PDB file of N, CA and C in Angstrom:
ATOM      1  N   MET A   1       0.796  -1.119   0.000  1.00  0.00           N
ATOM      2  CA  MET A   1      -0.045   0.012   0.001  1.00  0.00           C
ATOM      3  C   MET A   1       0.846   1.177   0.003  1.00  0.00           C
ATOM      4  N   THR A   2       0.419   2.162  -0.723  1.00  0.00           N
ATOM      5  CA  THR A   2       1.300   3.420  -0.754  1.00  0.00           C
ATOM      6  C   THR A   2       0.755   4.379   0.194  1.00  0.00           C
ATOM      7  N   THR A   3       1.599   5.320   0.614  1.00  0.00           N
ATOM      8  CA  THR A   3       1.176   6.377   1.597  1.00  0.00           C
ATOM      9  C   THR A   3       0.842   7.692   0.841  1.00  0.00           C
ATOM     10  N   ASN A   4       0.708   7.629  -0.424  1.00  0.00           N
ATOM     11  CA  ASN A   4       0.210   8.911  -1.191  1.00  0.00           C
ATOM     12  C   ASN A   4      -1.150   9.178  -0.817  1.00  0.00           C
ATOM     13  N   ILE A   5      -1.543  10.351  -0.520  1.00  0.00           N
ATOM     14  CA  ILE A   5      -2.865  10.747  -0.092  1.00  0.00           C
ATOM     15  C   ILE A   5      -3.863  10.522  -1.236  1.00  0.00           C
ATOM     16  N   THR A   6      -3.521  10.847  -2.427  1.00  0.00           N
ATOM     17  CA  THR A   6      -4.449  10.715  -3.443  1.00  0.00           C
ATOM     18  C   THR A   6      -4.836   9.305  -3.822  1.00  0.00           C
ATOM     19  N   SER A   7      -3.839   8.359  -3.621  1.00  0.00           N
ATOM     20  CA  SER A   7      -4.136   6.943  -4.027  1.00  0.00           C
ATOM     21  C   SER A   7      -4.320   6.150  -2.771  1.00  0.00           C
ATOM     22  N   MET A   8      -4.500   6.795  -1.593  1.00  0.00           N
ATOM     23  CA  MET A   8      -4.537   6.056  -0.284  1.00  0.00           C
ATOM     24  C   MET A   8      -5.964   5.301  -0.129  1.00  0.00           C
ATOM     25  N   ASN A   9      -5.851   4.164   0.467  1.00  0.00           N
ATOM     26  CA  ASN A   9      -7.109   3.333   0.612  1.00  0.00           C
ATOM     27  C   ASN A   9      -7.607   3.611   2.073  1.00  0.00           C
ATOM     28  N   ILE A  10      -8.714   4.226   2.171  1.00  0.00           N
ATOM     29  CA  ILE A  10      -9.394   4.555   3.483  1.00  0.00           C
ATOM     30  C   ILE A  10      -9.970   3.314   4.105  1.00  0.00           C
ATOM     31  N   ASP A  11     -10.158   2.234   3.380  1.00  0.00           N
ATOM     32  CA  ASP A  11     -10.696   1.108   3.846  1.00  0.00           C
ATOM     33  C   ASP A  11      -9.848   0.336   4.852  1.00  0.00           C
ATOM     34  N   ILE A  12      -8.596   0.816   5.141  1.00  0.00           N
ATOM     35  CA  ILE A  12      -7.715   0.136   5.949  1.00  0.00           C
ATOM     36  C   ILE A  12      -8.316   0.147   7.498  1.00  0.00           C
ATOM     37  N   ILE A  13      -8.932   1.224   7.872  1.00  0.00           N
ATOM     38  CA  ILE A  13      -9.532   1.271   9.209  1.00  0.00           C
ATOM     39  C   ILE A  13     -10.904   0.549   9.074  1.00  0.00           C
ATOM     40  N   LYS A  14     -11.105  -0.509   9.853  1.00  0.00           N
ATOM     41  CA  LYS A  14     -12.407  -1.213   9.720  1.00  0.00           C
ATOM     42  C   LYS A  14     -13.436  -0.633  10.748  1.00  0.00           C
ATOM     43  N   TYR A  15     -13.168  -0.557  12.026  1.00  0.00           N
ATOM     44  CA  TYR A  15     -14.075   0.004  13.081  1.00  0.00           C
ATOM     45  C   TYR A  15     -13.205   0.184  14.355  1.00  0.00           C
ATOM     46  N   PRO A  16     -13.721   1.084  15.243  1.00  0.00           N
ATOM     47  CA  PRO A  16     -13.143   1.229  16.499  1.00  0.00           C
ATOM     48  C   PRO A  16     -13.470   0.161  17.482  1.00  0.00           C
ATOM     49  N   ILE A  17     -12.457  -0.193  18.304  1.00  0.00           N
ATOM     50  CA  ILE A  17     -12.687  -1.202  19.317  1.00  0.00           C
ATOM     51  C   ILE A  17     -13.070  -0.560  20.540  1.00  0.00           C
ATOM     52  N   ILE A  18     -14.219  -0.800  21.030  1.00  0.00           N
ATOM     53  CA  ILE A  18     -14.819  -0.226  22.325  1.00  0.00           C
ATOM     54  C   ILE A  18     -14.963  -1.280  23.329  1.00  0.00           C
ATOM     55  N   THR A  19     -13.957  -1.369  24.212  1.00  0.00           N
ATOM     56  CA  THR A  19     -13.960  -2.314  25.410  1.00  0.00           C
ATOM     57  C   THR A  19     -13.709  -1.574  26.682  1.00  0.00           C
ATOM     58  N   ASP A  20     -13.672  -2.211  27.763  1.00  0.00           N
ATOM     59  CA  ASP A  20     -13.388  -1.463  29.034  1.00  0.00           C
ATOM     60  C   ASP A  20     -11.965  -0.912  28.984  1.00  0.00           C
ATOM     61  N   LYS A  21     -11.004  -1.680  28.578  1.00  0.00           N
ATOM     62  CA  LYS A  21      -9.633  -1.237  28.452  1.00  0.00           C
ATOM     63  C   LYS A  21      -9.476  -0.118  27.497  1.00  0.00           C
ATOM     64  N   SER A  22     -10.131  -0.223  26.255  1.00  0.00           N
ATOM     65  CA  SER A  22      -9.990   0.873  25.367  1.00  0.00           C
ATOM     66  C   SER A  22     -10.623   2.202  25.943  1.00  0.00           C
ATOM     67  N   THR A  23     -11.717   2.154  26.614  1.00  0.00           N
ATOM     68  CA  THR A  23     -12.309   3.422  27.164  1.00  0.00           C
ATOM     69  C   THR A  23     -11.388   4.026  28.276  1.00  0.00           C
ATOM     70  N   ARG A  24     -10.616   3.088  28.970  1.00  0.00           N
ATOM     71  CA  ARG A  24      -9.698   3.698  29.856  1.00  0.00           C
ATOM     72  C   ARG A  24      -8.533   4.391  29.233  1.00  0.00           C
ATOM     73  N   LEU A  25      -8.172   3.823  28.007  1.00  0.00           N
ATOM     74  CA  LEU A  25      -7.071   4.449  27.281  1.00  0.00           C
ATOM     75  C   LEU A  25      -7.510   5.842  26.666  1.00  0.00           C
ATOM     76  N   LEU A  26      -8.733   6.064  26.459  1.00  0.00           N
ATOM     77  CA  LEU A  26      -9.167   7.306  25.977  1.00  0.00           C
ATOM     78  C   LEU A  26      -8.710   8.510  26.862  1.00  0.00           C
ATOM     79  N   GLU A  27      -8.597   8.277  28.154  1.00  0.00           N
ATOM     80  CA  GLU A  27      -8.144   9.268  29.117  1.00  0.00           C
ATOM     81  C   GLU A  27      -6.697   9.663  28.832  1.00  0.00           C
ATOM     82  N   GLU A  28      -5.961   8.638  28.196  1.00  0.00           N
ATOM     83  CA  GLU A  28      -4.545   9.012  27.958  1.00  0.00           C
ATOM     84  C   GLU A  28      -4.260   9.337  26.507  1.00  0.00           C
ATOM     85  N   ASN A  29      -5.393   9.671  25.751  1.00  0.00           N
ATOM     86  CA  ASN A  29      -5.386  10.184  24.373  1.00  0.00           C
ATOM     87  C   ASN A  29      -4.958   8.993  23.426  1.00  0.00           C
ATOM     88  N   GLN A  30      -5.376   7.759  23.719  1.00  0.00           N
ATOM     89  CA  GLN A  30      -4.985   6.595  22.902  1.00  0.00           C
ATOM     90  C   GLN A  30      -6.289   5.907  22.408  1.00  0.00           C
ATOM     91  N   TYR A  31      -6.425   5.671  21.134  1.00  0.00           N
ATOM     92  CA  TYR A  31      -7.582   5.125  20.508  1.00  0.00           C
ATOM     93  C   TYR A  31      -7.310   3.851  19.898  1.00  0.00           C
ATOM     94  N   SER A  32      -8.278   2.765  19.977  1.00  0.00           N
ATOM     95  CA  SER A  32      -8.022   1.467  19.466  1.00  0.00           C
ATOM     96  C   SER A  32      -8.923   1.288  18.209  1.00  0.00           C
ATOM     97  N   PHE A  33      -8.218   0.717  17.129  1.00  0.00           N
ATOM     98  CA  PHE A  33      -9.004   0.522  15.934  1.00  0.00           C
ATOM     99  C   PHE A  33      -8.628  -0.971  15.435  1.00  0.00           C
ATOM    100  N   ALA A  34      -9.570  -1.602  14.852  1.00  0.00           N
ATOM    101  CA  ALA A  34      -9.229  -2.729  14.015  1.00  0.00           C
ATOM    102  C   ALA A  34      -9.002  -2.390  12.684  1.00  0.00           C
ATOM    103  N   VAL A  35      -7.847  -2.856  12.105  1.00  0.00           N
ATOM    104  CA  VAL A  35      -7.308  -2.399  10.848  1.00  0.00           C
ATOM    105  C   VAL A  35      -7.143  -3.670   9.983  1.00  0.00           C
ATOM    106  N   ASP A  36      -6.909  -3.432   8.719  1.00  0.00           N
ATOM    107  CA  ASP A  36      -6.611  -4.415   7.689  1.00  0.00           C
ATOM    108  C   ASP A  36      -5.414  -5.305   8.143  1.00  0.00           C
ATOM    109  N   ASN A  37      -5.444  -6.595   7.945  1.00  0.00           N
ATOM    110  CA  ASN A  37      -4.338  -7.457   8.347  1.00  0.00           C
ATOM    111  C   ASN A  37      -3.042  -7.153   7.673  1.00  0.00           C
ATOM    112  N   LYS A  38      -3.080  -6.643   6.471  1.00  0.00           N
ATOM    113  CA  LYS A  38      -1.906  -6.382   5.722  1.00  0.00           C
ATOM    114  C   LYS A  38      -1.399  -4.973   5.754  1.00  0.00           C
ATOM    115  N   ALA A  39      -2.094  -4.237   6.598  1.00  0.00           N
ATOM    116  CA  ALA A  39      -1.683  -2.629   6.768  1.00  0.00           C
ATOM    117  C   ALA A  39      -0.408  -2.497   7.521  1.00  0.00           C
ATOM    118  N   HIS A  40       0.399  -1.494   7.110  1.00  0.00           N
ATOM    119  CA  HIS A  40       1.775  -1.217   7.732  1.00  0.00           C
ATOM    120  C   HIS A  40       1.409  -0.076   8.737  1.00  0.00           C
ATOM    121  N   LYS A  41       2.343   0.205   9.616  1.00  0.00           N
ATOM    122  CA  LYS A  41       2.111   1.346  10.521  1.00  0.00           C
ATOM    123  C   LYS A  41       2.108   2.734   9.715  1.00  0.00           C
ATOM    124  N   LYS A  42       2.930   2.850   8.662  1.00  0.00           N
ATOM    125  CA  LYS A  42       2.955   4.086   7.983  1.00  0.00           C
ATOM    126  C   LYS A  42       1.647   4.260   7.156  1.00  0.00           C
ATOM    127  N   ASP A  43       0.999   3.219   6.723  1.00  0.00           N
ATOM    128  CA  ASP A  43      -0.316   3.409   6.124  1.00  0.00           C
ATOM    129  C   ASP A  43      -1.330   3.680   7.088  1.00  0.00           C
ATOM    130  N   ILE A  44      -1.286   3.156   8.278  1.00  0.00           N
ATOM    131  CA  ILE A  44      -2.333   3.301   9.299  1.00  0.00           C
ATOM    132  C   ILE A  44      -2.254   4.855   9.750  1.00  0.00           C
ATOM    133  N   LYS A  45      -0.975   5.330   9.997  1.00  0.00           N
ATOM    134  CA  LYS A  45      -0.758   6.672  10.441  1.00  0.00           C
ATOM    135  C   LYS A  45      -1.317   7.659   9.411  1.00  0.00           C
ATOM    136  N   THR A  46      -0.966   7.527   8.106  1.00  0.00           N
ATOM    137  CA  THR A  46      -1.438   8.506   7.117  1.00  0.00           C
ATOM    138  C   THR A  46      -2.993   8.449   7.063  1.00  0.00           C
ATOM    139  N   THR A  47      -3.540   7.237   7.070  1.00  0.00           N
ATOM    140  CA  THR A  47      -5.028   7.117   6.939  1.00  0.00           C
ATOM    141  C   THR A  47      -5.677   7.863   8.148  1.00  0.00           C
ATOM    142  N   ILE A  48      -5.172   7.579   9.376  1.00  0.00           N
ATOM    143  CA  ILE A  48      -5.838   8.145  10.476  1.00  0.00           C
ATOM    144  C   ILE A  48      -5.709   9.715  10.434  1.00  0.00           C
ATOM    145  N   GLU A  49      -4.522  10.198  10.088  1.00  0.00           N
ATOM    146  CA  GLU A  49      -4.291  11.604  10.018  1.00  0.00           C
ATOM    147  C   GLU A  49      -5.152  12.310   8.946  1.00  0.00           C
ATOM    148  N   TYR A  50      -5.347  11.555   7.772  1.00  0.00           N
ATOM    149  CA  TYR A  50      -6.100  12.248   6.786  1.00  0.00           C
ATOM    150  C   TYR A  50      -7.656  12.149   7.025  1.00  0.00           C
ATOM    151  N   THR A  51      -8.082  10.952   7.674  1.00  0.00           N
ATOM    152  CA  THR A  51      -9.500  10.808   7.921  1.00  0.00           C
ATOM    153  C   THR A  51     -10.045  11.682   9.037  1.00  0.00           C
ATOM    154  N   PHE A  52      -9.383  11.734  10.142  1.00  0.00           N
ATOM    155  CA  PHE A  52      -9.888  12.371  11.272  1.00  0.00           C
ATOM    156  C   PHE A  52      -9.158  13.791  11.543  1.00  0.00           C
ATOM    157  N   ASN A  53      -8.138  14.217  10.578  1.00  0.00           N
ATOM    158  CA  ASN A  53      -7.539  15.570  10.662  1.00  0.00           C
ATOM    159  C   ASN A  53      -6.866  15.630  12.061  1.00  0.00           C
ATOM    160  N   VAL A  54      -6.052  14.767  12.412  1.00  0.00           N
ATOM    161  CA  VAL A  54      -5.315  14.783  13.685  1.00  0.00           C
ATOM    162  C   VAL A  54      -3.828  14.528  13.436  1.00  0.00           C
ATOM    163  N   LYS A  55      -3.002  14.669  14.387  1.00  0.00           N
ATOM    164  CA  LYS A  55      -1.610  14.518  14.382  1.00  0.00           C
ATOM    165  C   LYS A  55      -1.295  13.270  15.244  1.00  0.00           C
ATOM    166  N   VAL A  56      -0.807  12.137  14.713  1.00  0.00           N
ATOM    167  CA  VAL A  56      -0.467  10.930  15.320  1.00  0.00           C
ATOM    168  C   VAL A  56       0.950  10.936  15.936  1.00  0.00           C
ATOM    169  N   LYS A  57       1.057  10.627  17.260  1.00  0.00           N
ATOM    170  CA  LYS A  57       2.370  10.628  17.851  1.00  0.00           C
ATOM    171  C   LYS A  57       2.973   9.272  17.856  1.00  0.00           C
ATOM    172  N   HIS A  58       2.225   8.196  18.002  1.00  0.00           N
ATOM    173  CA  HIS A  58       2.794   6.914  18.099  1.00  0.00           C
ATOM    174  C   HIS A  58       1.816   5.762  17.788  1.00  0.00           C
ATOM    175  N   ILE A  59       2.133   4.612  17.150  1.00  0.00           N
ATOM    176  CA  ILE A  59       1.243   3.562  16.925  1.00  0.00           C
ATOM    177  C   ILE A  59       1.857   2.231  17.285  1.00  0.00           C
ATOM    178  N   ASN A  60       0.917   1.468  18.003  1.00  0.00           N
ATOM    179  CA  ASN A  60       1.328   0.107  18.423  1.00  0.00           C
ATOM    180  C   ASN A  60       0.365  -0.808  17.649  1.00  0.00           C
ATOM    181  N   THR A  61       0.834  -1.853  17.115  1.00  0.00           N
ATOM    182  CA  THR A  61      -0.030  -2.864  16.409  1.00  0.00           C
ATOM    183  C   THR A  61       0.209  -4.199  17.019  1.00  0.00           C
ATOM    184  N   SER A  62      -0.866  -5.067  16.918  1.00  0.00           N
ATOM    185  CA  SER A  62      -0.722  -6.443  17.380  1.00  0.00           C
ATOM    186  C   SER A  62      -1.728  -7.294  16.457  1.00  0.00           C
ATOM    187  N   ASN A  63      -1.288  -8.525  16.099  1.00  0.00           N
ATOM    188  CA  ASN A  63      -2.120  -9.387  15.390  1.00  0.00           C
ATOM    189  C   ASN A  63      -2.817 -10.262  16.499  1.00  0.00           C
ATOM    190  N   ARG A  64      -4.129 -10.188  16.538  1.00  0.00           N
ATOM    191  CA  ARG A  64      -5.045 -10.945  17.419  1.00  0.00           C
ATOM    192  C   ARG A  64      -5.204 -12.295  16.860  1.00  0.00           C
ATOM    193  N   HIS A  65      -4.952 -13.356  17.615  1.00  0.00           N
ATOM    194  CA  HIS A  65      -5.189 -14.695  17.083  1.00  0.00           C
ATOM    195  C   HIS A  65      -6.697 -14.975  17.144  1.00  0.00           C
ATOM    196  N   PRO A  66      -7.063 -15.947  16.322  1.00  0.00           N
ATOM    197  CA  PRO A  66      -8.539 -16.229  16.324  1.00  0.00           C
ATOM    198  C   PRO A  66      -8.876 -17.030  17.561  1.00  0.00           C
ATOM    199  N   LYS A  67     -10.039 -16.700  18.216  1.00  0.00           N
ATOM    200  CA  LYS A  67     -10.372 -17.460  19.383  1.00  0.00           C
ATOM    201  C   LYS A  67     -11.345 -18.579  19.033  1.00  0.00           C
ATOM    202  N   ARG A  68     -11.269 -19.689  19.722  1.00  0.00           N
ATOM    203  CA  ARG A  68     -12.102 -20.769  19.587  1.00  0.00           C
ATOM    204  C   ARG A  68     -13.497 -20.589  20.213  1.00  0.00           C
ATOM    205  N   LYS A  69     -14.536 -20.774  19.477  1.00  0.00           N
ATOM    206  CA  LYS A  69     -15.957 -20.571  20.124  1.00  0.00           C
ATOM    207  C   LYS A  69     -16.704 -21.944  19.838  1.00  0.00           C
ATOM    208  N   ARG A  70     -17.628 -22.203  20.626  1.00  0.00           N
ATOM    209  CA  ARG A  70     -18.380 -23.491  20.572  1.00  0.00           C
ATOM    210  C   ARG A  70     -19.780 -23.151  20.712  1.00  0.00           C
ATOM    211  N   VAL A  71     -20.534 -23.607  19.735  1.00  0.00           N
ATOM    212  CA  VAL A  71     -21.989 -23.590  19.853  1.00  0.00           C
ATOM    213  C   VAL A  71     -22.557 -25.001  19.692  1.00  0.00           C
ATOM    214  N   GLY A  72     -23.016 -25.464  20.892  1.00  0.00           N
ATOM    215  CA  GLY A  72     -23.561 -26.850  20.952  1.00  0.00           C
ATOM    216  C   GLY A  72     -22.371 -27.887  20.734  1.00  0.00           C
ATOM    217  N   LYS A  73     -22.512 -28.779  19.763  1.00  0.00           N
ATOM    218  CA  LYS A  73     -21.352 -29.707  19.560  1.00  0.00           C
ATOM    219  C   LYS A  73     -20.470 -29.345  18.377  1.00  0.00           C
ATOM    220  N   PHE A  74     -20.666 -28.045  17.837  1.00  0.00           N
ATOM    221  CA  PHE A  74     -19.859 -27.533  16.789  1.00  0.00           C
ATOM    222  C   PHE A  74     -18.935 -26.491  17.355  1.00  0.00           C
ATOM    223  N   THR A  75     -17.623 -26.677  16.924  1.00  0.00           N
ATOM    224  CA  THR A  75     -16.643 -25.730  17.356  1.00  0.00           C
ATOM    225  C   THR A  75     -16.202 -24.951  16.075  1.00  0.00           C
ATOM    226  N   GLY A  76     -15.822 -23.675  16.314  1.00  0.00           N
ATOM    227  CA  GLY A  76     -15.301 -22.821  15.187  1.00  0.00           C
ATOM    228  C   GLY A  76     -14.320 -21.780  15.723  1.00  0.00           C
ATOM    229  N   TYR A  77     -14.039 -20.979  14.864  1.00  0.00           N
ATOM    230  CA  TYR A  77     -13.127 -19.913  15.270  1.00  0.00           C
ATOM    231  C   TYR A  77     -13.634 -18.520  14.995  1.00  0.00           C
ATOM    232  N   LYS A  78     -13.396 -17.419  15.804  1.00  0.00           N
ATOM    233  CA  LYS A  78     -13.724 -16.059  15.387  1.00  0.00           C
ATOM    234  C   LYS A  78     -12.598 -15.627  14.356  1.00  0.00           C
ATOM    235  N   LYS A  79     -12.993 -14.554  13.606  1.00  0.00           N
ATOM    236  CA  LYS A  79     -12.046 -14.023  12.683  1.00  0.00           C
ATOM    237  C   LYS A  79     -10.843 -13.500  13.406  1.00  0.00           C
ATOM    238  N   ARG A  80      -9.580 -13.581  12.820  1.00  0.00           N
ATOM    239  CA  ARG A  80      -8.540 -12.910  13.356  1.00  0.00           C
ATOM    240  C   ARG A  80      -8.498 -11.527  12.750  1.00  0.00           C
ATOM    241  N   TYR A  81      -7.869 -10.514  13.459  1.00  0.00           N
ATOM    242  CA  TYR A  81      -7.766  -9.212  13.174  1.00  0.00           C
ATOM    243  C   TYR A  81      -6.504  -8.496  13.566  1.00  0.00           C
ATOM    244  N   LYS A  82      -6.109  -7.452  13.118  1.00  0.00           N
ATOM    245  CA  LYS A  82      -5.056  -6.660  13.456  1.00  0.00           C
ATOM    246  C   LYS A  82      -5.629  -5.399  14.308  1.00  0.00           C
ATOM    247  N   LYS A  83      -5.018  -5.194  15.489  1.00  0.00           N
ATOM    248  CA  LYS A  83      -5.424  -4.141  16.368  1.00  0.00           C
ATOM    249  C   LYS A  83      -4.379  -3.109  16.318  1.00  0.00           C
ATOM    250  N   ALA A  84      -4.770  -1.811  16.200  1.00  0.00           N
ATOM    251  CA  ALA A  84      -3.824  -0.663  16.226  1.00  0.00           C
ATOM    252  C   ALA A  84      -4.251   0.214  17.460  1.00  0.00           C
ATOM    253  N   ILE A  85      -3.322   0.489  18.214  1.00  0.00           N
ATOM    254  CA  ILE A  85      -3.536   1.506  19.333  1.00  0.00           C
ATOM    255  C   ILE A  85      -2.813   2.699  18.947  1.00  0.00           C
ATOM    256  N   ILE A  86      -3.487   3.885  18.697  1.00  0.00           N
ATOM    257  CA  ILE A  86      -3.049   5.082  18.101  1.00  0.00           C
ATOM    258  C   ILE A  86      -2.844   6.098  19.289  1.00  0.00           C
ATOM    259  N   THR A  87      -1.656   6.610  19.524  1.00  0.00           N
ATOM    260  CA  THR A  87      -1.518   7.776  20.469  1.00  0.00           C
ATOM    261  C   THR A  87      -1.521   9.025  19.713  1.00  0.00           C
ATOM    262  N   LEU A  88      -2.272   9.934  20.044  1.00  0.00           N
ATOM    263  CA  LEU A  88      -2.261  11.278  19.385  1.00  0.00           C
ATOM    264  C   LEU A  88      -1.484  12.287  20.177  1.00  0.00           C
ATOM    265  N   GLU A  89      -1.192  13.357  19.536  1.00  0.00           N
ATOM    266  CA  GLU A  89      -0.476  14.510  20.186  1.00  0.00           C
ATOM    267  C   GLU A  89      -1.535  15.049  21.125  1.00  0.00           C
ATOM    268  N   ASN A  90      -0.919  15.926  22.107  1.00  0.00           N
ATOM    269  CA  ASN A  90      -1.751  16.449  23.199  1.00  0.00           C
ATOM    270  C   ASN A  90      -2.989  17.340  22.723  1.00  0.00           C
ATOM    271  N   ASN A  91      -2.848  18.048  21.689  1.00  0.00           N
ATOM    272  CA  ASN A  91      -3.778  19.019  21.287  1.00  0.00           C
ATOM    273  C   ASN A  91      -4.976  18.402  20.520  1.00  0.00           C
ATOM    274  N   TYR A  92      -4.786  17.156  20.090  1.00  0.00           N
ATOM    275  CA  TYR A  92      -5.752  16.513  19.349  1.00  0.00           C
ATOM    276  C   TYR A  92      -6.585  15.494  19.937  1.00  0.00           C
ATOM    277  N   SER A  93      -7.854  15.243  19.400  1.00  0.00           N
ATOM    278  CA  SER A  93      -8.745  14.107  19.823  1.00  0.00           C
ATOM    279  C   SER A  93      -9.726  13.643  18.772  1.00  0.00           C
ATOM    280  N   ILE A  94     -10.113  12.513  18.867  1.00  0.00           N
ATOM    281  CA  ILE A  94     -11.158  11.913  18.025  1.00  0.00           C
ATOM    282  C   ILE A  94     -12.454  11.783  18.749  1.00  0.00           C
ATOM    283  N   ASN A  95     -13.543  12.173  18.181  1.00  0.00           N
ATOM    284  CA  ASN A  95     -14.869  11.997  18.765  1.00  0.00           C
ATOM    285  C   ASN A  95     -15.454  10.730  18.273  1.00  0.00           C
ATOM    286  N   LEU A  96     -15.301   9.754  19.153  1.00  0.00           N
ATOM    287  CA  LEU A  96     -15.829   8.353  18.816  1.00  0.00           C
ATOM    288  C   LEU A  96     -17.378   8.241  19.171  1.00  0.00           C
ATOM    289  N   PHE A  97     -17.933   9.061  20.081  1.00  0.00           N
ATOM    290  CA  PHE A  97     -19.209   9.089  20.430  1.00  0.00           C
ATOM    291  C   PHE A  97     -19.869  10.408  20.150  1.00  0.00           C
ATOM    292  N   PRO A  98     -20.331  10.630  18.850  1.00  0.00           N
ATOM    293  CA  PRO A  98     -20.950  11.812  18.451  1.00  0.00           C
ATOM    294  C   PRO A  98     -22.355  11.912  19.148  1.00  0.00           C
ATOM    295  N   GLU A  99     -22.621  13.201  19.659  1.00  0.00           N
ATOM    296  CA  GLU A  99     -23.932  13.391  20.229  1.00  0.00           C
ATOM    297  C   GLU A  99     -24.944  13.671  19.050  1.00  0.00           C
ATOM    298  N   ASN A 100     -26.145  13.057  19.262  1.00  0.00           N
ATOM    299  CA  ASN A 100     -27.223  13.241  18.282  1.00  0.00           C
ATOM    300  C   ASN A 100     -28.036  14.531  18.609  1.00  0.00           C
TER     301      ASN A 100
END
C-alpha cells in the first residue's frame, strides 16, 4: 500500500474497538481500531491523519489470534484481526461518540 494521499485506501480502518480497556485508554489520548491485516504502521498513520484530521504521535499494532468458540457440539473460530492502538498528540482528539 502506498502512503500517497491521492491513492490512499481509506478502507484500512475497519471499526473502533470499544471495550473497558480501550475506554480507559481514551483518558490517555489513545484510541484502538481494528485495521486491515496487511496494513503497515505508515499506512495506518497516514490514513488516521487524513480521515480524522489529527496528528499521530505513536502507533502500536498487534495481530490478534482467532479465538475458539463453541455452539452446541460444533466448534469454530472467530475471525483474526489486527489491532492498532494510536496515540495522538496532546492538542488533538477523535470524537468516537458523537452526540445526536
